[in-house]
Protein backbone atom coordinates (compact mmCIF):
# COMPACT_ATOMS: atom_id res chain seq x y z
CA UNK A 1 -11.91 53.88 38.54
CA UNK A 2 -13.71 57.10 37.74
CA UNK A 3 -14.49 59.47 40.60
CA UNK A 4 -13.95 56.85 43.25
CA UNK A 5 -11.24 57.95 45.73
CA UNK A 6 -12.88 56.94 49.00
CA UNK A 7 -14.96 54.02 47.74
CA UNK A 8 -11.84 52.11 46.70
CA UNK A 9 -9.53 53.17 49.56
CA UNK A 10 -8.20 50.10 51.45
CA UNK A 11 -7.95 52.27 54.59
CA UNK A 12 -11.64 51.49 55.09
CA UNK A 13 -10.58 47.90 55.85
CA UNK A 14 -7.14 48.36 57.38
CA UNK A 15 -6.92 51.66 59.30
CA UNK A 16 -9.15 51.84 62.41
CA UNK A 17 -8.35 55.57 62.88
CA UNK A 18 -9.36 56.55 59.34
CA UNK A 19 -12.61 58.50 58.91
CA UNK A 20 -13.77 55.90 56.37
CA UNK A 21 -12.94 52.84 58.50
CA UNK A 22 -15.74 50.28 58.27
CA UNK A 23 -17.25 51.84 55.14
CA UNK A 24 -18.03 49.28 52.41
CA UNK A 25 -15.62 49.67 49.49
CA UNK A 26 -14.91 48.17 46.10
CA UNK A 27 -11.86 45.89 46.38
CA UNK A 28 -9.97 47.59 43.57
CA UNK A 29 -6.70 47.08 45.47
CA UNK A 30 -7.00 43.37 44.64
CA UNK A 31 -7.01 44.02 40.88
CA UNK A 32 -3.98 43.22 38.75
CA UNK A 33 -3.99 46.75 37.36
CA UNK A 34 -5.89 49.89 38.26
CA UNK A 35 -6.43 52.95 36.09
CA UNK A 36 -7.58 55.98 38.09
CA UNK A 37 -9.23 58.78 36.16
CA UNK A 38 -8.74 61.95 38.20
CA UNK A 39 -8.85 65.72 37.73
CA UNK A 40 -5.97 66.21 40.20
CA UNK A 41 -3.98 64.46 42.93
CA UNK A 42 -6.24 65.87 45.67
CA UNK A 43 -7.63 63.36 48.18
CA UNK A 44 -11.26 62.27 48.16
CA UNK A 45 -14.17 63.62 50.20
CA UNK A 46 -12.79 62.11 53.43
CA UNK A 47 -9.56 64.05 52.94
CA UNK A 48 -7.21 61.06 53.14
CA UNK A 49 -4.75 59.65 50.61
CA UNK A 50 -5.90 56.63 48.64
CA UNK A 51 -3.25 53.94 49.08
CA UNK A 52 -4.69 52.18 46.02
CA UNK A 53 -2.71 54.74 43.98
CA UNK A 54 0.49 52.84 44.75
CA UNK A 55 1.86 49.82 42.89
CA UNK A 56 0.46 48.75 39.53
CA UNK A 57 -1.62 51.90 39.14
CA UNK A 58 -1.93 54.22 36.16
CA UNK A 59 -3.32 57.74 36.34
CA UNK A 60 -5.36 59.36 33.59
CA UNK A 61 -5.86 63.07 34.26
CA UNK A 62 -8.77 65.12 32.93
CA UNK A 63 -12.49 65.73 33.15
CA UNK A 64 -14.03 62.24 33.41
CA UNK A 65 -16.85 62.64 30.90
CA UNK A 66 -14.75 64.42 28.29
CA UNK A 67 -11.68 62.23 28.72
CA UNK A 68 -13.64 58.96 28.71
CA UNK A 69 -15.42 59.99 25.50
CA UNK A 70 -12.11 60.79 23.81
CA UNK A 71 -10.50 57.62 25.15
CA UNK A 72 -13.27 55.41 23.79
CA UNK A 73 -13.03 57.10 20.38
CA UNK A 74 -9.25 56.59 20.23
CA UNK A 75 -9.03 53.13 21.79
CA UNK A 76 -6.12 51.22 20.24
CA UNK A 77 -5.72 48.02 22.26
CA UNK A 78 -4.60 47.18 25.80
CA UNK A 79 -2.63 49.56 28.02
CA UNK A 80 0.76 48.41 29.24
CA UNK A 81 1.25 47.41 32.87
CA UNK A 82 3.31 49.49 35.29
CA UNK A 83 3.16 52.94 36.76
CA UNK A 84 2.35 55.41 34.00
CA UNK A 85 0.74 58.81 33.88
CA UNK A 86 -1.48 59.53 30.91
CA UNK A 87 -2.40 63.14 30.23
CA UNK A 88 -5.80 64.13 28.94
CA UNK A 89 -5.74 64.55 25.16
């Protein structure tokens, strides 16, 4: 997921008190593995934590355009499963 905190946050389906409750979202929380590309650990526009960052989630920190370009140039096969943090290169 690139730049998608609120649009993948399961709180939109499960937390009636959340500011995003009822908003349509992408069901990324149902994926086997999620890779979030983020600049920081700050919450999204709605200001709430994204619970999709728990479990089988990897984080790739850096500017999305720059990091994605570098990642595609250096691609070397599948990423391993599990909770990992990848730093921008």
